[in-house]
All heavy atoms as atom14 arrays in JSON, in Angstrom:
{
  "sequence": "DEVLAAIAGMTAAEAEAALAGIGDADVTLWPGWTSTVPGMAWRV",
  "atom14_mask": [
    [1, 1, 1, 1, 1, 1, 1, 1, 0, 0, 0, 0, 0, 0],
    [1, 1, 1, 1, 1, 1, 1, 1, 1, 0, 0, 0, 0, 0],
    [1, 1, 1, 1, 1, 1, 1, 0, 0, 0, 0, 0, 0, 0],
    [1, 1, 1, 1, 1, 1, 1, 1, 0, 0, 0, 0, 0, 0],
    [1, 1, 1, 1, 1, 0, 0, 0, 0, 0, 0, 0, 0, 0],
    [1, 1, 1, 1, 1, 0, 0, 0, 0, 0, 0, 0, 0, 0],
    [1, 1, 1, 1, 1, 1, 1, 1, 0, 0, 0, 0, 0, 0],
    [1, 1, 1, 1, 1, 0, 0, 0, 0, 0, 0, 0, 0, 0],
    [1, 1, 1, 1, 0, 0, 0, 0, 0, 0, 0, 0, 0, 0],
    [1, 1, 1, 1, 1, 1, 1, 1, 0, 0, 0, 0, 0, 0],
    [1, 1, 1, 1, 1, 1, 1, 0, 0, 0, 0, 0, 0, 0],
    [1, 1, 1, 1, 1, 0, 0, 0, 0, 0, 0, 0, 0, 0],
    [1, 1, 1, 1, 1, 0, 0, 0, 0, 0, 0, 0, 0, 0],
    [1, 1, 1, 1, 1, 1, 1, 1, 1, 0, 0, 0, 0, 0],
    [1, 1, 1, 1, 1, 0, 0, 0, 0, 0, 0, 0, 0, 0],
    [1, 1, 1, 1, 1, 1, 1, 1, 1, 0, 0, 0, 0, 0],
    [1, 1, 1, 1, 1, 0, 0, 0, 0, 0, 0, 0, 0, 0],
    [1, 1, 1, 1, 1, 0, 0, 0, 0, 0, 0, 0, 0, 0],
    [1, 1, 1, 1, 1, 1, 1, 1, 0, 0, 0, 0, 0, 0],
    [1, 1, 1, 1, 1, 0, 0, 0, 0, 0, 0, 0, 0, 0],
    [1, 1, 1, 1, 0, 0, 0, 0, 0, 0, 0, 0, 0, 0],
    [1, 1, 1, 1, 1, 1, 1, 1, 0, 0, 0, 0, 0, 0],
    [1, 1, 1, 1, 0, 0, 0, 0, 0, 0, 0, 0, 0, 0],
    [1, 1, 1, 1, 1, 1, 1, 1, 0, 0, 0, 0, 0, 0],
    [1, 1, 1, 1, 1, 0, 0, 0, 0, 0, 0, 0, 0, 0],
    [1, 1, 1, 1, 1, 1, 1, 1, 0, 0, 0, 0, 0, 0],
    [1, 1, 1, 1, 1, 1, 1, 0, 0, 0, 0, 0, 0, 0],
    [1, 1, 1, 1, 1, 1, 1, 0, 0, 0, 0, 0, 0, 0],
    [1, 1, 1, 1, 1, 1, 1, 1, 0, 0, 0, 0, 0, 0],
    [1, 1, 1, 1, 1, 1, 1, 1, 1, 1, 1, 1, 1, 1],
    [1, 1, 1, 1, 1, 1, 1, 0, 0, 0, 0, 0, 0, 0],
    [1, 1, 1, 1, 0, 0, 0, 0, 0, 0, 0, 0, 0, 0],
    [1, 1, 1, 1, 1, 1, 1, 1, 1, 1, 1, 1, 1, 1],
    [1, 1, 1, 1, 1, 1, 1, 0, 0, 0, 0, 0, 0, 0],
    [1, 1, 1, 1, 1, 1, 0, 0, 0, 0, 0, 0, 0, 0],
    [1, 1, 1, 1, 1, 1, 1, 0, 0, 0, 0, 0, 0, 0],
    [1, 1, 1, 1, 1, 1, 1, 0, 0, 0, 0, 0, 0, 0],
    [1, 1, 1, 1, 1, 1, 1, 0, 0, 0, 0, 0, 0, 0],
    [1, 1, 1, 1, 0, 0, 0, 0, 0, 0, 0, 0, 0, 0],
    [1, 1, 1, 1, 1, 1, 1, 1, 0, 0, 0, 0, 0, 0],
    [1, 1, 1, 1, 1, 0, 0, 0, 0, 0, 0, 0, 0, 0],
    [1, 1, 1, 1, 1, 1, 1, 1, 1, 1, 1, 1, 1, 1],
    [1, 1, 1, 1, 1, 1, 1, 1, 1, 1, 1, 0, 0, 0],
    [1, 1, 1, 1, 1, 1, 1, 0, 0, 0, 0, 0, 0, 0]
  ],
  "atom14_positions": [
    [[12.39, 172.26, 116.92], [13.64, 172.41, 116.11], [14.83, 171.34, 116.52], [15.49, 170.84, 115.7], [14.16, 173.83, 115.85], [13.07, 174.71, 115.28], [12.29, 174.17, 114.53], [13.15, 175.86, 115.56], [0.0, 0.0, 0.0], [0.0, 0.0, 0.0], [0.0, 0.0, 0.0], [0.0, 0.0, 0.0], [0.0, 0.0, 0.0], [0.0, 0.0, 0.0]],
    [[15.04, 171.38, 117.74], [16.08, 170.49, 118.36], [15.76, 169.15, 118.14], [16.61, 168.32, 117.71], [16.25, 170.86, 119.8], [17.51, 170.27, 120.45], [17.58, 170.72, 121.88], [17.49, 171.97, 122.23], [18.01, 169.91, 122.75], [0.0, 0.0, 0.0], [0.0, 0.0, 0.0], [0.0, 0.0, 0.0], [0.0, 0.0, 0.0], [0.0, 0.0, 0.0]],
    [[14.52, 168.7, 118.41], [14.11, 167.35, 118.12], [14.24, 166.98, 116.63], [14.81, 165.84, 116.3], [12.73, 166.99, 118.52], [12.2, 165.66, 117.98], [12.68, 167.12, 120.01], [0.0, 0.0, 0.0], [0.0, 0.0, 0.0], [0.0, 0.0, 0.0], [0.0, 0.0, 0.0], [0.0, 0.0, 0.0], [0.0, 0.0, 0.0], [0.0, 0.0, 0.0]],
    [[13.77, 167.84, 115.73], [13.84, 167.44, 114.38], [15.34, 167.42, 113.83], [15.68, 166.51, 113.02], [13.26, 168.5, 113.52], [11.5, 168.54, 113.66], [10.89, 169.54, 112.95], [11.05, 167.17, 113.4], [0.0, 0.0, 0.0], [0.0, 0.0, 0.0], [0.0, 0.0, 0.0], [0.0, 0.0, 0.0], [0.0, 0.0, 0.0], [0.0, 0.0, 0.0]],
    [[16.22, 168.22, 114.29], [17.66, 168.27, 113.97], [18.27, 166.97, 114.37], [19.18, 166.32, 113.73], [18.3, 169.5, 114.44], [0.0, 0.0, 0.0], [0.0, 0.0, 0.0], [0.0, 0.0, 0.0], [0.0, 0.0, 0.0], [0.0, 0.0, 0.0], [0.0, 0.0, 0.0], [0.0, 0.0, 0.0], [0.0, 0.0, 0.0], [0.0, 0.0, 0.0]],
    [[17.87, 166.54, 115.56], [18.5, 165.39, 116.21], [18.12, 164.08, 115.5], [18.95, 163.12, 115.35], [18.17, 165.29, 117.66], [0.0, 0.0, 0.0], [0.0, 0.0, 0.0], [0.0, 0.0, 0.0], [0.0, 0.0, 0.0], [0.0, 0.0, 0.0], [0.0, 0.0, 0.0], [0.0, 0.0, 0.0], [0.0, 0.0, 0.0], [0.0, 0.0, 0.0]],
    [[16.84, 163.94, 114.94], [16.49, 162.62, 114.29], [16.52, 162.66, 112.79], [16.34, 161.67, 112.24], [15.06, 162.3, 114.8], [14.03, 163.37, 114.37], [15.1, 162.21, 116.43], [12.65, 162.86, 114.65], [0.0, 0.0, 0.0], [0.0, 0.0, 0.0], [0.0, 0.0, 0.0], [0.0, 0.0, 0.0], [0.0, 0.0, 0.0], [0.0, 0.0, 0.0]],
    [[16.88, 163.86, 112.22], [16.89, 163.79, 110.69], [17.88, 162.8, 110.16], [18.98, 162.6, 110.73], [17.42, 165.23, 110.32], [0.0, 0.0, 0.0], [0.0, 0.0, 0.0], [0.0, 0.0, 0.0], [0.0, 0.0, 0.0], [0.0, 0.0, 0.0], [0.0, 0.0, 0.0], [0.0, 0.0, 0.0], [0.0, 0.0, 0.0], [0.0, 0.0, 0.0]],
    [[17.54, 162.0, 109.26], [18.4, 160.97, 108.61], [18.3, 159.76, 109.38], [18.95, 158.74, 108.87], [0.0, 0.0, 0.0], [0.0, 0.0, 0.0], [0.0, 0.0, 0.0], [0.0, 0.0, 0.0], [0.0, 0.0, 0.0], [0.0, 0.0, 0.0], [0.0, 0.0, 0.0], [0.0, 0.0, 0.0], [0.0, 0.0, 0.0], [0.0, 0.0, 0.0]],
    [[17.67, 159.66, 110.48], [17.61, 158.29, 111.25], [16.57, 157.45, 110.65], [15.45, 157.97, 110.13], [17.44, 158.58, 112.75], [18.4, 159.14, 113.42], [17.98, 159.29, 115.23], [19.43, 159.92, 115.83], [0.0, 0.0, 0.0], [0.0, 0.0, 0.0], [0.0, 0.0, 0.0], [0.0, 0.0, 0.0], [0.0, 0.0, 0.0], [0.0, 0.0, 0.0]],
    [[16.51, 156.16, 110.82], [15.45, 155.26, 110.53], [14.46, 155.53, 111.71], [14.7, 156.1, 112.64], [15.99, 153.87, 110.54], [16.21, 153.45, 111.89], [17.1, 153.59, 109.56], [0.0, 0.0, 0.0], [0.0, 0.0, 0.0], [0.0, 0.0, 0.0], [0.0, 0.0, 0.0], [0.0, 0.0, 0.0], [0.0, 0.0, 0.0], [0.0, 0.0, 0.0]],
    [[13.34, 155.05, 111.44], [12.1, 155.15, 112.42], [12.54, 154.46, 113.66], [12.37, 155.11, 114.75], [10.89, 154.33, 111.96], [0.0, 0.0, 0.0], [0.0, 0.0, 0.0], [0.0, 0.0, 0.0], [0.0, 0.0, 0.0], [0.0, 0.0, 0.0], [0.0, 0.0, 0.0], [0.0, 0.0, 0.0], [0.0, 0.0, 0.0], [0.0, 0.0, 0.0]],
    [[13.21, 153.33, 113.74], [13.67, 152.62, 114.96], [14.67, 153.43, 115.74], [14.73, 153.65, 116.86], [14.23, 151.27, 114.77], [0.0, 0.0, 0.0], [0.0, 0.0, 0.0], [0.0, 0.0, 0.0], [0.0, 0.0, 0.0], [0.0, 0.0, 0.0], [0.0, 0.0, 0.0], [0.0, 0.0, 0.0], [0.0, 0.0, 0.0], [0.0, 0.0, 0.0]],
    [[15.66, 153.99, 114.83], [16.64, 154.8, 115.54], [16.17, 156.17, 116.16], [16.48, 156.51, 117.2], [17.74, 155.22, 114.51], [18.59, 154.19, 113.95], [19.41, 154.47, 112.89], [19.15, 155.46, 111.98], [20.4, 153.71, 112.49], [0.0, 0.0, 0.0], [0.0, 0.0, 0.0], [0.0, 0.0, 0.0], [0.0, 0.0, 0.0], [0.0, 0.0, 0.0]],
    [[15.17, 156.72, 115.45], [14.54, 157.99, 115.91], [13.75, 157.63, 117.22], [13.81, 158.41, 118.15], [13.7, 158.55, 114.88], [0.0, 0.0, 0.0], [0.0, 0.0, 0.0], [0.0, 0.0, 0.0], [0.0, 0.0, 0.0], [0.0, 0.0, 0.0], [0.0, 0.0, 0.0], [0.0, 0.0, 0.0], [0.0, 0.0, 0.0], [0.0, 0.0, 0.0]],
    [[13.05, 156.54, 117.21], [12.28, 156.19, 118.48], [13.24, 156.02, 119.62], [12.89, 156.42, 120.77], [11.43, 154.99, 118.24], [10.15, 155.33, 117.4], [9.4, 154.08, 116.95], [9.81, 152.88, 117.21], [8.38, 154.24, 116.24], [0.0, 0.0, 0.0], [0.0, 0.0, 0.0], [0.0, 0.0, 0.0], [0.0, 0.0, 0.0], [0.0, 0.0, 0.0]],
    [[14.33, 155.29, 119.42], [15.36, 155.09, 120.5], [15.95, 156.41, 120.98], [16.11, 156.67, 122.14], [16.52, 154.24, 120.05], [0.0, 0.0, 0.0], [0.0, 0.0, 0.0], [0.0, 0.0, 0.0], [0.0, 0.0, 0.0], [0.0, 0.0, 0.0], [0.0, 0.0, 0.0], [0.0, 0.0, 0.0], [0.0, 0.0, 0.0], [0.0, 0.0, 0.0]],
    [[16.21, 157.36, 119.98], [16.79, 158.56, 120.35], [15.78, 159.38, 121.07], [16.29, 160.21, 121.91], [17.29, 159.43, 119.12], [0.0, 0.0, 0.0], [0.0, 0.0, 0.0], [0.0, 0.0, 0.0], [0.0, 0.0, 0.0], [0.0, 0.0, 0.0], [0.0, 0.0, 0.0], [0.0, 0.0, 0.0], [0.0, 0.0, 0.0], [0.0, 0.0, 0.0]],
    [[14.5, 159.36, 120.86], [13.54, 160.16, 121.65], [13.12, 159.51, 122.84], [12.32, 160.03, 123.58], [12.41, 160.31, 120.67], [12.56, 161.16, 119.32], [11.4, 161.11, 118.45], [12.91, 162.54, 119.83], [0.0, 0.0, 0.0], [0.0, 0.0, 0.0], [0.0, 0.0, 0.0], [0.0, 0.0, 0.0], [0.0, 0.0, 0.0], [0.0, 0.0, 0.0]],
    [[13.5, 158.21, 123.24], [13.07, 157.53, 124.37], [13.29, 158.3, 125.63], [12.56, 158.23, 126.61], [13.67, 156.08, 124.46], [0.0, 0.0, 0.0], [0.0, 0.0, 0.0], [0.0, 0.0, 0.0], [0.0, 0.0, 0.0], [0.0, 0.0, 0.0], [0.0, 0.0, 0.0], [0.0, 0.0, 0.0], [0.0, 0.0, 0.0], [0.0, 0.0, 0.0]],
    [[14.41, 159.12, 125.62], [14.66, 159.88, 126.9], [13.7, 160.97, 127.18], [13.72, 161.51, 128.45], [0.0, 0.0, 0.0], [0.0, 0.0, 0.0], [0.0, 0.0, 0.0], [0.0, 0.0, 0.0], [0.0, 0.0, 0.0], [0.0, 0.0, 0.0], [0.0, 0.0, 0.0], [0.0, 0.0, 0.0], [0.0, 0.0, 0.0], [0.0, 0.0, 0.0]],
    [[12.77, 161.37, 126.31], [11.93, 162.41, 126.55], [10.41, 161.94, 126.49], [9.51, 162.78, 126.75], [12.01, 163.64, 125.6], [11.86, 163.2, 124.17], [13.26, 164.43, 125.82], [11.91, 164.41, 123.01], [0.0, 0.0, 0.0], [0.0, 0.0, 0.0], [0.0, 0.0, 0.0], [0.0, 0.0, 0.0], [0.0, 0.0, 0.0], [0.0, 0.0, 0.0]],
    [[10.23, 160.58, 126.33], [8.9, 160.17, 126.35], [8.68, 159.04, 125.29], [9.74, 158.69, 124.6], [0.0, 0.0, 0.0], [0.0, 0.0, 0.0], [0.0, 0.0, 0.0], [0.0, 0.0, 0.0], [0.0, 0.0, 0.0], [0.0, 0.0, 0.0], [0.0, 0.0, 0.0], [0.0, 0.0, 0.0], [0.0, 0.0, 0.0], [0.0, 0.0, 0.0]],
    [[7.54, 158.47, 125.29], [7.18, 157.43, 124.27], [7.09, 158.17, 122.85], [6.48, 159.14, 122.84], [5.84, 156.82, 124.61], [6.05, 155.95, 125.91], [7.09, 155.5, 126.25], [4.93, 155.82, 126.56], [0.0, 0.0, 0.0], [0.0, 0.0, 0.0], [0.0, 0.0, 0.0], [0.0, 0.0, 0.0], [0.0, 0.0, 0.0], [0.0, 0.0, 0.0]],
    [[7.8, 157.43, 121.91], [7.84, 158.13, 120.62], [7.16, 156.99, 119.53], [7.51, 155.82, 119.68], [9.12, 158.47, 120.14], [0.0, 0.0, 0.0], [0.0, 0.0, 0.0], [0.0, 0.0, 0.0], [0.0, 0.0, 0.0], [0.0, 0.0, 0.0], [0.0, 0.0, 0.0], [0.0, 0.0, 0.0], [0.0, 0.0, 0.0], [0.0, 0.0, 0.0]],
    [[6.51, 157.43, 118.71], [5.91, 156.62, 117.56], [6.35, 157.41, 116.24], [5.78, 158.42, 116.05], [4.35, 156.48, 117.71], [3.87, 155.54, 116.59], [4.62, 154.79, 116.1], [2.58, 155.61, 116.37], [0.0, 0.0, 0.0], [0.0, 0.0, 0.0], [0.0, 0.0, 0.0], [0.0, 0.0, 0.0], [0.0, 0.0, 0.0], [0.0, 0.0, 0.0]],
    [[7.27, 156.71, 115.68], [7.79, 157.41, 114.48], [7.28, 156.59, 113.27], [7.63, 155.39, 113.13], [9.31, 157.43, 114.37], [9.86, 158.04, 113.01], [10.0, 158.31, 115.48], [0.0, 0.0, 0.0], [0.0, 0.0, 0.0], [0.0, 0.0, 0.0], [0.0, 0.0, 0.0], [0.0, 0.0, 0.0], [0.0, 0.0, 0.0], [0.0, 0.0, 0.0]],
    [[6.53, 157.23, 112.39], [5.94, 156.61, 111.15], [6.48, 157.32, 109.97], [6.28, 158.59, 109.9], [4.42, 156.7, 111.26], [3.95, 156.05, 112.38], [3.93, 155.99, 110.03], [0.0, 0.0, 0.0], [0.0, 0.0, 0.0], [0.0, 0.0, 0.0], [0.0, 0.0, 0.0], [0.0, 0.0, 0.0], [0.0, 0.0, 0.0], [0.0, 0.0, 0.0]],
    [[6.98, 156.61, 109.06], [7.49, 157.2, 107.86], [6.44, 157.01, 106.84], [6.0, 155.97, 106.61], [8.82, 156.48, 107.43], [10.01, 156.65, 108.57], [11.25, 155.86, 108.06], [10.38, 158.11, 108.71], [0.0, 0.0, 0.0], [0.0, 0.0, 0.0], [0.0, 0.0, 0.0], [0.0, 0.0, 0.0], [0.0, 0.0, 0.0], [0.0, 0.0, 0.0]],
    [[6.35, 158.11, 105.9], [5.43, 158.11, 104.88], [6.02, 158.87, 103.64], [6.63, 159.9, 103.86], [4.03, 158.6, 105.22], [3.18, 158.58, 104.15], [2.29, 157.58, 103.78], [2.81, 159.51, 103.23], [1.59, 157.79, 102.79], [1.85, 159.03, 102.33], [3.41, 160.86, 102.87], [1.47, 159.72, 101.17], [2.84, 161.53, 101.79], [1.87, 160.96, 100.96]],
    [[5.93, 158.45, 102.57], [5.37, 157.16, 101.96], [6.15, 156.02, 102.4], [7.27, 156.0, 102.94], [5.29, 157.41, 100.55], [6.21, 158.4, 100.14], [6.5, 159.28, 101.45], [0.0, 0.0, 0.0], [0.0, 0.0, 0.0], [0.0, 0.0, 0.0], [0.0, 0.0, 0.0], [0.0, 0.0, 0.0], [0.0, 0.0, 0.0], [0.0, 0.0, 0.0]],
    [[5.63, 154.89, 102.15], [6.2, 153.57, 102.65], [7.61, 153.25, 102.18], [8.39, 152.5, 102.88], [0.0, 0.0, 0.0], [0.0, 0.0, 0.0], [0.0, 0.0, 0.0], [0.0, 0.0, 0.0], [0.0, 0.0, 0.0], [0.0, 0.0, 0.0], [0.0, 0.0, 0.0], [0.0, 0.0, 0.0], [0.0, 0.0, 0.0], [0.0, 0.0, 0.0]],
    [[8.03, 153.82, 100.98], [9.29, 153.53, 100.47], [10.53, 154.46, 101.12], [11.58, 154.29, 101.02], [9.35, 153.8, 98.89], [8.84, 155.01, 98.47], [7.59, 155.22, 97.98], [9.35, 156.31, 98.48], [7.27, 156.43, 97.63], [8.35, 157.26, 97.88], [10.59, 156.84, 98.82], [8.65, 158.64, 97.77], [10.88, 158.18, 98.61], [9.87, 159.07, 98.14]],
    [[9.95, 155.4, 101.94], [10.92, 156.23, 102.71], [11.51, 155.5, 103.85], [10.86, 154.77, 104.56], [10.19, 157.49, 103.31], [9.49, 158.12, 102.29], [11.07, 158.47, 104.03], [0.0, 0.0, 0.0], [0.0, 0.0, 0.0], [0.0, 0.0, 0.0], [0.0, 0.0, 0.0], [0.0, 0.0, 0.0], [0.0, 0.0, 0.0], [0.0, 0.0, 0.0]],
    [[12.9, 155.59, 104.02], [13.6, 154.7, 104.93], [14.07, 155.54, 106.01], [14.53, 154.96, 107.22], [14.76, 154.0, 104.27], [15.64, 154.99, 103.69], [0.0, 0.0, 0.0], [0.0, 0.0, 0.0], [0.0, 0.0, 0.0], [0.0, 0.0, 0.0], [0.0, 0.0, 0.0], [0.0, 0.0, 0.0], [0.0, 0.0, 0.0], [0.0, 0.0, 0.0]],
    [[14.17, 156.94, 105.99], [14.68, 157.75, 107.02], [13.83, 159.07, 107.31], [13.13, 159.31, 106.41], [16.17, 158.08, 106.8], [16.19, 158.99, 105.52], [17.15, 157.08, 106.62], [0.0, 0.0, 0.0], [0.0, 0.0, 0.0], [0.0, 0.0, 0.0], [0.0, 0.0, 0.0], [0.0, 0.0, 0.0], [0.0, 0.0, 0.0], [0.0, 0.0, 0.0]],
    [[14.12, 159.67, 108.54], [13.31, 160.94, 108.63], [13.87, 161.91, 107.82], [15.15, 162.0, 107.79], [13.56, 161.32, 110.17], [12.82, 162.64, 110.46], [13.0, 160.23, 111.08], [0.0, 0.0, 0.0], [0.0, 0.0, 0.0], [0.0, 0.0, 0.0], [0.0, 0.0, 0.0], [0.0, 0.0, 0.0], [0.0, 0.0, 0.0], [0.0, 0.0, 0.0]],
    [[13.08, 162.63, 107.09], [13.55, 163.69, 106.22], [14.41, 164.82, 107.01], [14.07, 165.09, 108.13], [12.27, 164.38, 105.63], [11.1, 163.34, 106.0], [11.65, 162.59, 107.09], [0.0, 0.0, 0.0], [0.0, 0.0, 0.0], [0.0, 0.0, 0.0], [0.0, 0.0, 0.0], [0.0, 0.0, 0.0], [0.0, 0.0, 0.0], [0.0, 0.0, 0.0]],
    [[15.38, 165.47, 106.31], [16.09, 166.42, 106.85], [15.34, 167.95, 106.74], [15.88, 168.75, 107.5], [0.0, 0.0, 0.0], [0.0, 0.0, 0.0], [0.0, 0.0, 0.0], [0.0, 0.0, 0.0], [0.0, 0.0, 0.0], [0.0, 0.0, 0.0], [0.0, 0.0, 0.0], [0.0, 0.0, 0.0], [0.0, 0.0, 0.0], [0.0, 0.0, 0.0]],
    [[14.29, 167.95, 106.05], [13.63, 169.24, 105.79], [12.49, 169.18, 106.86], [11.56, 168.4, 106.73], [13.03, 169.32, 104.5], [14.25, 169.36, 103.42], [13.63, 169.22, 101.72], [13.31, 167.6, 101.6], [0.0, 0.0, 0.0], [0.0, 0.0, 0.0], [0.0, 0.0, 0.0], [0.0, 0.0, 0.0], [0.0, 0.0, 0.0], [0.0, 0.0, 0.0]],
    [[12.61, 170.18, 107.83], [11.59, 170.17, 108.89], [10.18, 170.29, 108.45], [9.25, 169.84, 109.04], [11.98, 171.29, 109.91], [0.0, 0.0, 0.0], [0.0, 0.0, 0.0], [0.0, 0.0, 0.0], [0.0, 0.0, 0.0], [0.0, 0.0, 0.0], [0.0, 0.0, 0.0], [0.0, 0.0, 0.0], [0.0, 0.0, 0.0], [0.0, 0.0, 0.0]],
    [[9.94, 171.07, 107.38], [8.56, 171.24, 106.88], [7.85, 169.88, 106.46], [6.71, 169.73, 106.23], [8.56, 172.34, 105.78], [9.36, 171.91, 104.49], [10.65, 172.16, 104.29], [8.81, 171.27, 103.28], [11.01, 171.73, 103.07], [9.85, 171.2, 102.48], [7.61, 170.72, 102.96], [9.88, 170.61, 101.36], [7.52, 170.13, 101.72], [8.65, 170.13, 100.89]],
    [[8.76, 168.89, 106.15], [8.29, 167.57, 105.65], [7.89, 166.62, 106.87], [7.5, 165.47, 106.63], [9.21, 166.9, 104.79], [9.45, 167.78, 103.53], [9.89, 167.06, 102.34], [8.93, 165.92, 102.07], [9.44, 164.82, 101.36], [10.62, 164.68, 101.08], [8.54, 163.78, 101.12], [0.0, 0.0, 0.0], [0.0, 0.0, 0.0], [0.0, 0.0, 0.0]],
    [[8.15, 167.14, 108.09], [7.93, 166.24, 109.42], [6.68, 166.79, 110.12], [6.72, 167.95, 110.38], [9.19, 166.31, 110.13], [9.0, 165.5, 111.38], [10.37, 165.77, 109.35], [0.0, 0.0, 0.0], [0.0, 0.0, 0.0], [0.0, 0.0, 0.0], [0.0, 0.0, 0.0], [0.0, 0.0, 0.0], [0.0, 0.0, 0.0], [0.0, 0.0, 0.0]]
  ]
}
């Protein structure tokens, strides 16, 4: 929950940078037209 709240609304690159402190992160957004991490946890 803490991770999802912290990266909600970020781009994939921003989310990967934010998660770097806890390990390697690979953030993939889908569908392709999506530009940010959804704010609804059930969609992540």
